[in-house]
Amino acid sequence: MALYEIAKVQDIPTGANIVVEVEGRSIGVYNVHGTFYAVHNYCPHQGAELCKGPVCGTNLESNVYEFIYGRDQEIIRCPWHGWEFDLKTGKSLFSEKVRVRSYPVEVTDNIIYLSIGK
């Protein structure tokens, strides 16, 4: 796996993201509560630029007529059709068969690195 220097930690404050181009791939790098995650900027549904969608939370499992909001800033929603994905894993919230590609992120000496497999 090759490591690519993406940004300095201070360039992506908590709750923010950037989109970078690495080896011809558009990748969104997100700061989720102080931890960095990266996902492919491509929705598997119809190819929308996923990273243009809002970052939000979701309703958690609860009793009937009870709505509990949680996982704030951990979910990305496709701007075209609302498909939702976990920024930490790339897994969709609606199907175990659908996911967006995620990439390992490392932070060393305040520099964010993205790991891309060859």
N, C-alpha and C. Protein backbone atom coordinates (compact mmCIF):
# COMPACT_ATOMS: atom_id res chain seq x y z
N MET A 1 0.83 -1.18 0.00
CA MET A 1 0.00 0.00 0.00
C MET A 1 0.87 1.24 0.00
N ALA A 2 0.47 2.20 -0.78
CA ALA A 2 1.21 3.46 -0.85
C ALA A 2 0.52 4.49 0.03
N LEU A 3 1.33 5.31 0.70
CA LEU A 3 0.80 6.39 1.53
C LEU A 3 0.93 7.71 0.78
N TYR A 4 -0.13 8.50 0.82
CA TYR A 4 -0.15 9.80 0.16
C TYR A 4 -0.44 10.88 1.18
N GLU A 5 0.41 11.89 1.22
CA GLU A 5 0.18 13.02 2.11
C GLU A 5 -1.00 13.82 1.59
N ILE A 6 -1.99 14.03 2.45
CA ILE A 6 -3.23 14.69 2.05
C ILE A 6 -3.31 16.12 2.54
N ALA A 7 -3.09 16.32 3.82
CA ALA A 7 -3.25 17.65 4.41
C ALA A 7 -2.66 17.64 5.80
N LYS A 8 -2.62 18.82 6.40
CA LYS A 8 -2.26 18.93 7.81
C LYS A 8 -3.54 18.80 8.63
N VAL A 9 -3.41 18.31 9.85
CA VAL A 9 -4.57 18.11 10.72
C VAL A 9 -5.39 19.39 10.86
N GLN A 10 -4.72 20.52 11.01
CA GLN A 10 -5.43 21.79 11.20
C GLN A 10 -6.19 22.24 9.94
N ASP A 11 -5.90 21.64 8.79
CA ASP A 11 -6.60 21.99 7.55
C ASP A 11 -8.01 21.42 7.49
N ILE A 12 -8.29 20.40 8.33
CA ILE A 12 -9.62 19.77 8.33
C ILE A 12 -10.12 19.76 9.77
N PRO A 13 -10.76 20.85 10.21
CA PRO A 13 -11.26 20.88 11.59
C PRO A 13 -12.39 19.88 11.81
N THR A 14 -12.69 19.60 13.06
CA THR A 14 -13.77 18.68 13.40
C THR A 14 -15.06 19.08 12.69
N GLY A 15 -15.70 18.12 12.04
CA GLY A 15 -16.94 18.36 11.31
C GLY A 15 -16.74 18.80 9.87
N ALA A 16 -15.50 18.99 9.46
CA ALA A 16 -15.21 19.44 8.09
C ALA A 16 -14.69 18.29 7.24
N ASN A 17 -14.58 18.55 5.95
CA ASN A 17 -14.03 17.57 5.03
C ASN A 17 -13.37 18.27 3.85
N ILE A 18 -12.54 17.53 3.14
CA ILE A 18 -11.98 17.99 1.88
C ILE A 18 -12.11 16.86 0.88
N VAL A 19 -12.08 17.20 -0.39
CA VAL A 19 -12.06 16.20 -1.45
C VAL A 19 -10.72 16.32 -2.15
N VAL A 20 -10.03 15.18 -2.29
CA VAL A 20 -8.72 15.15 -2.92
C VAL A 20 -8.73 14.16 -4.08
N GLU A 21 -7.79 14.34 -4.98
CA GLU A 21 -7.62 13.43 -6.11
C GLU A 21 -6.34 12.64 -5.87
N VAL A 22 -6.45 11.31 -5.78
CA VAL A 22 -5.30 10.45 -5.57
C VAL A 22 -5.36 9.31 -6.58
N GLU A 23 -4.33 9.20 -7.39
CA GLU A 23 -4.27 8.15 -8.40
C GLU A 23 -5.54 8.11 -9.26
N GLY A 24 -6.03 9.26 -9.62
CA GLY A 24 -7.22 9.35 -10.47
C GLY A 24 -8.53 9.08 -9.76
N ARG A 25 -8.50 8.95 -8.44
CA ARG A 25 -9.71 8.70 -7.65
C ARG A 25 -10.07 9.94 -6.85
N SER A 26 -11.31 10.29 -6.87
CA SER A 26 -11.81 11.40 -6.05
C SER A 26 -12.21 10.82 -4.70
N ILE A 27 -11.59 11.35 -3.63
CA ILE A 27 -11.78 10.78 -2.29
C ILE A 27 -12.08 11.90 -1.30
N GLY A 28 -13.11 11.71 -0.49
CA GLY A 28 -13.45 12.66 0.56
C GLY A 28 -12.79 12.25 1.86
N VAL A 29 -12.13 13.21 2.51
CA VAL A 29 -11.48 12.95 3.80
C VAL A 29 -12.23 13.77 4.85
N TYR A 30 -12.72 13.10 5.89
CA TYR A 30 -13.61 13.70 6.89
C TYR A 30 -12.99 13.65 8.28
N ASN A 31 -13.20 14.72 9.04
CA ASN A 31 -12.83 14.74 10.45
C ASN A 31 -14.10 14.52 11.25
N VAL A 32 -14.26 13.31 11.79
CA VAL A 32 -15.44 12.94 12.56
C VAL A 32 -15.05 12.90 14.03
N HIS A 33 -15.42 13.94 14.75
CA HIS A 33 -15.12 14.03 16.19
C HIS A 33 -13.63 13.83 16.49
N GLY A 34 -12.75 14.36 15.62
CA GLY A 34 -11.32 14.29 15.85
C GLY A 34 -10.61 13.10 15.24
N THR A 35 -11.33 12.20 14.61
CA THR A 35 -10.74 11.05 13.92
C THR A 35 -11.01 11.20 12.43
N PHE A 36 -10.03 10.85 11.61
CA PHE A 36 -10.15 11.04 10.16
C PHE A 36 -10.55 9.76 9.45
N TYR A 37 -11.46 9.91 8.48
CA TYR A 37 -11.94 8.80 7.66
C TYR A 37 -11.97 9.26 6.22
N ALA A 38 -11.86 8.30 5.29
CA ALA A 38 -11.88 8.64 3.87
C ALA A 38 -12.80 7.67 3.13
N VAL A 39 -13.59 8.22 2.19
CA VAL A 39 -14.48 7.42 1.36
C VAL A 39 -14.39 7.88 -0.09
N HIS A 40 -14.66 6.95 -0.98
CA HIS A 40 -14.69 7.25 -2.41
C HIS A 40 -15.82 8.23 -2.69
N ASN A 41 -15.55 9.22 -3.49
CA ASN A 41 -16.53 10.26 -3.81
C ASN A 41 -17.42 9.81 -4.96
N TYR A 42 -18.07 8.65 -4.79
CA TYR A 42 -18.88 8.07 -5.86
C TYR A 42 -19.97 7.22 -5.22
N CYS A 43 -21.21 7.61 -5.40
CA CYS A 43 -22.32 6.83 -4.85
C CYS A 43 -22.55 5.60 -5.73
N PRO A 44 -22.62 4.41 -5.14
CA PRO A 44 -22.80 3.20 -5.93
C PRO A 44 -24.17 3.09 -6.59
N HIS A 45 -25.10 3.94 -6.23
CA HIS A 45 -26.45 3.88 -6.80
C HIS A 45 -26.45 4.36 -8.25
N GLN A 46 -26.12 5.64 -8.46
CA GLN A 46 -26.12 6.18 -9.82
C GLN A 46 -24.95 7.12 -10.09
N GLY A 47 -23.89 7.01 -9.28
CA GLY A 47 -22.67 7.73 -9.57
C GLY A 47 -22.58 9.18 -9.15
N ALA A 48 -23.45 9.62 -8.27
CA ALA A 48 -23.38 11.00 -7.80
C ALA A 48 -22.09 11.25 -7.04
N GLU A 49 -21.66 12.51 -7.01
CA GLU A 49 -20.52 12.88 -6.18
C GLU A 49 -20.99 12.85 -4.73
N LEU A 50 -20.74 11.74 -4.08
CA LEU A 50 -21.24 11.48 -2.74
C LEU A 50 -20.82 12.57 -1.75
N CYS A 51 -19.61 13.07 -1.88
CA CYS A 51 -19.08 14.02 -0.90
C CYS A 51 -19.69 15.41 -1.01
N LYS A 52 -20.58 15.61 -1.97
CA LYS A 52 -21.34 16.86 -2.04
C LYS A 52 -22.60 16.78 -1.17
N GLY A 53 -22.87 15.60 -0.64
CA GLY A 53 -24.04 15.40 0.21
C GLY A 53 -23.79 15.84 1.63
N PRO A 54 -24.86 16.01 2.39
CA PRO A 54 -24.72 16.46 3.78
C PRO A 54 -24.18 15.36 4.69
N VAL A 55 -23.44 15.79 5.70
CA VAL A 55 -22.99 14.89 6.76
C VAL A 55 -23.94 15.11 7.92
N CYS A 56 -24.47 14.03 8.45
CA CYS A 56 -25.53 14.15 9.46
C CYS A 56 -25.47 12.95 10.41
N GLY A 57 -26.53 12.75 11.13
CA GLY A 57 -26.72 11.58 11.97
C GLY A 57 -27.91 10.80 11.44
N THR A 58 -28.47 9.97 12.29
CA THR A 58 -29.61 9.16 11.87
C THR A 58 -30.47 8.82 13.07
N ASN A 59 -31.65 8.29 12.80
CA ASN A 59 -32.50 7.82 13.89
C ASN A 59 -31.99 6.45 14.35
N LEU A 60 -31.90 6.29 15.65
CA LEU A 60 -31.44 5.03 16.23
C LEU A 60 -32.62 4.12 16.54
N GLU A 61 -32.33 2.87 16.75
CA GLU A 61 -33.37 1.91 17.10
C GLU A 61 -34.06 2.37 18.37
N SER A 62 -35.38 2.34 18.36
CA SER A 62 -36.15 2.82 19.51
C SER A 62 -37.52 2.17 19.53
N ASN A 63 -38.31 2.52 20.53
CA ASN A 63 -39.67 2.02 20.66
C ASN A 63 -40.58 2.69 19.65
N VAL A 64 -41.76 2.13 19.46
CA VAL A 64 -42.76 2.71 18.57
C VAL A 64 -43.10 4.12 19.05
N TYR A 65 -43.18 5.05 18.11
CA TYR A 65 -43.50 6.47 18.36
C TYR A 65 -42.40 7.20 19.15
N GLU A 66 -41.25 6.58 19.26
CA GLU A 66 -40.13 7.22 19.93
C GLU A 66 -39.03 7.41 18.89
N PHE A 67 -38.48 8.60 18.79
CA PHE A 67 -37.44 8.89 17.82
C PHE A 67 -36.20 9.37 18.54
N ILE A 68 -35.13 8.62 18.39
CA ILE A 68 -33.87 8.96 19.04
C ILE A 68 -32.84 9.25 17.97
N TYR A 69 -32.37 10.48 17.93
CA TYR A 69 -31.35 10.90 16.97
C TYR A 69 -29.98 10.60 17.54
N GLY A 70 -29.08 10.07 16.71
CA GLY A 70 -27.73 9.77 17.17
C GLY A 70 -26.76 9.67 16.02
N ARG A 71 -25.52 9.34 16.35
CA ARG A 71 -24.43 9.19 15.38
C ARG A 71 -24.22 10.48 14.59
N ASP A 72 -24.38 11.61 15.26
CA ASP A 72 -24.23 12.91 14.61
C ASP A 72 -22.86 13.04 13.96
N GLN A 73 -22.84 13.54 12.73
CA GLN A 73 -21.64 13.77 11.93
C GLN A 73 -20.93 12.49 11.51
N GLU A 74 -21.60 11.33 11.59
CA GLU A 74 -21.00 10.06 11.20
C GLU A 74 -21.58 9.49 9.91
N ILE A 75 -22.63 10.11 9.39
CA ILE A 75 -23.35 9.58 8.24
C ILE A 75 -23.26 10.58 7.09
N ILE A 76 -22.99 10.07 5.88
CA ILE A 76 -23.05 10.92 4.70
C ILE A 76 -24.25 10.49 3.86
N ARG A 77 -24.98 11.48 3.36
CA ARG A 77 -26.19 11.22 2.58
C ARG A 77 -25.96 11.66 1.14
N CYS A 78 -26.22 10.78 0.20
CA CYS A 78 -26.05 11.10 -1.22
C CYS A 78 -26.94 12.29 -1.59
N PRO A 79 -26.38 13.27 -2.31
CA PRO A 79 -27.17 14.45 -2.66
C PRO A 79 -28.25 14.18 -3.71
N TRP A 80 -28.17 13.09 -4.43
CA TRP A 80 -29.17 12.82 -5.46
C TRP A 80 -30.41 12.10 -4.93
N HIS A 81 -30.23 10.99 -4.23
CA HIS A 81 -31.37 10.16 -3.85
C HIS A 81 -31.42 9.81 -2.37
N GLY A 82 -30.52 10.37 -1.58
CA GLY A 82 -30.59 10.21 -0.13
C GLY A 82 -30.05 8.92 0.43
N TRP A 83 -29.34 8.12 -0.36
CA TRP A 83 -28.75 6.91 0.20
C TRP A 83 -27.75 7.32 1.27
N GLU A 84 -27.74 6.61 2.40
CA GLU A 84 -26.89 6.98 3.54
C GLU A 84 -25.82 5.93 3.80
N PHE A 85 -24.61 6.44 4.13
CA PHE A 85 -23.46 5.58 4.37
C PHE A 85 -22.74 6.01 5.63
N ASP A 86 -22.19 5.02 6.34
CA ASP A 86 -21.41 5.25 7.54
C ASP A 86 -20.02 5.72 7.12
N LEU A 87 -19.61 6.92 7.53
CA LEU A 87 -18.29 7.43 7.16
C LEU A 87 -17.16 6.60 7.73
N LYS A 88 -17.39 5.92 8.84
CA LYS A 88 -16.33 5.15 9.48
C LYS A 88 -16.04 3.84 8.75
N THR A 89 -17.05 3.26 8.12
CA THR A 89 -16.89 1.93 7.51
C THR A 89 -17.22 1.88 6.02
N GLY A 90 -17.98 2.85 5.53
CA GLY A 90 -18.43 2.82 4.14
C GLY A 90 -19.70 2.01 3.94
N LYS A 91 -20.17 1.33 4.98
CA LYS A 91 -21.37 0.50 4.86
C LYS A 91 -22.62 1.37 4.73
N SER A 92 -23.57 0.89 3.93
CA SER A 92 -24.83 1.60 3.82
C SER A 92 -25.68 1.34 5.05
N LEU A 93 -26.62 2.21 5.31
CA LEU A 93 -27.52 2.03 6.46
C LEU A 93 -28.73 1.19 6.11
N PHE A 94 -28.88 0.85 4.84
CA PHE A 94 -30.11 0.17 4.41
C PHE A 94 -29.90 -1.24 3.88
N SER A 95 -28.65 -1.64 3.59
CA SER A 95 -28.42 -2.97 3.04
C SER A 95 -26.99 -3.42 3.35
N GLU A 96 -26.83 -4.66 3.73
CA GLU A 96 -25.49 -5.19 3.99
C GLU A 96 -24.72 -5.45 2.70
N LYS A 97 -25.41 -5.41 1.56
CA LYS A 97 -24.77 -5.68 0.27
C LYS A 97 -24.24 -4.43 -0.42
N VAL A 98 -24.63 -3.27 0.06
CA VAL A 98 -24.23 -2.02 -0.58
C VAL A 98 -23.28 -1.26 0.33
N ARG A 99 -22.22 -0.72 -0.27
CA ARG A 99 -21.27 0.06 0.49
C ARG A 99 -20.54 1.00 -0.46
N VAL A 100 -19.91 1.99 0.12
CA VAL A 100 -19.02 2.86 -0.63
C VAL A 100 -17.61 2.51 -0.17
N ARG A 101 -16.66 2.57 -1.08
CA ARG A 101 -15.29 2.19 -0.72
C ARG A 101 -14.73 3.17 0.31
N SER A 102 -14.09 2.62 1.33
CA SER A 102 -13.42 3.45 2.33
C SER A 102 -11.92 3.18 2.25
N TYR A 103 -11.14 4.14 2.71
CA TYR A 103 -9.69 4.05 2.64
C TYR A 103 -9.09 4.29 4.02
N PRO A 104 -8.03 3.56 4.37
CA PRO A 104 -7.37 3.79 5.66
C PRO A 104 -6.69 5.16 5.69
N VAL A 105 -6.79 5.81 6.83
CA VAL A 105 -6.19 7.12 7.04
C VAL A 105 -5.24 7.01 8.24
N GLU A 106 -4.07 7.59 8.11
CA GLU A 106 -3.10 7.62 9.20
C GLU A 106 -2.72 9.07 9.48
N VAL A 107 -2.45 9.37 10.73
CA VAL A 107 -1.98 10.70 11.12
C VAL A 107 -0.64 10.54 11.81
N THR A 108 0.37 11.19 11.26
CA THR A 108 1.72 11.15 11.83
C THR A 108 2.28 12.57 11.84
N ASP A 109 2.73 13.02 12.98
CA ASP A 109 3.32 14.36 13.11
C ASP A 109 2.41 15.45 12.53
N ASN A 110 1.12 15.36 12.82
CA ASN A 110 0.11 16.33 12.37
C ASN A 110 -0.10 16.36 10.86
N ILE A 111 0.32 15.32 10.17
CA ILE A 111 0.09 15.19 8.74
C ILE A 111 -0.86 14.02 8.51
N ILE A 112 -1.86 14.23 7.66
CA ILE A 112 -2.85 13.20 7.34
C ILE A 112 -2.39 12.48 6.09
N TYR A 113 -2.33 11.15 6.18
CA TYR A 113 -1.92 10.32 5.05
C TYR A 113 -3.07 9.38 4.66
N LEU A 114 -3.22 9.17 3.38
CA LEU A 114 -4.22 8.26 2.86
C LEU A 114 -3.50 7.04 2.32
N SER A 115 -3.99 5.86 2.64
CA SER A 115 -3.39 4.61 2.20
C SER A 115 -4.19 4.05 1.03
N ILE A 116 -3.54 3.87 -0.09
CA ILE A 116 -4.20 3.35 -1.29
C ILE A 116 -3.50 2.06 -1.69
N GLY A 117 -4.25 0.98 -1.83
CA GLY A 117 -3.68 -0.29 -2.27
C GLY A 117 -3.40 -0.28 -3.75
N LYS A 118 -2.39 -0.98 -4.12
CA LYS A 118 -2.02 -1.08 -5.56
C LYS A 118 -2.64 -2.29 -6.17
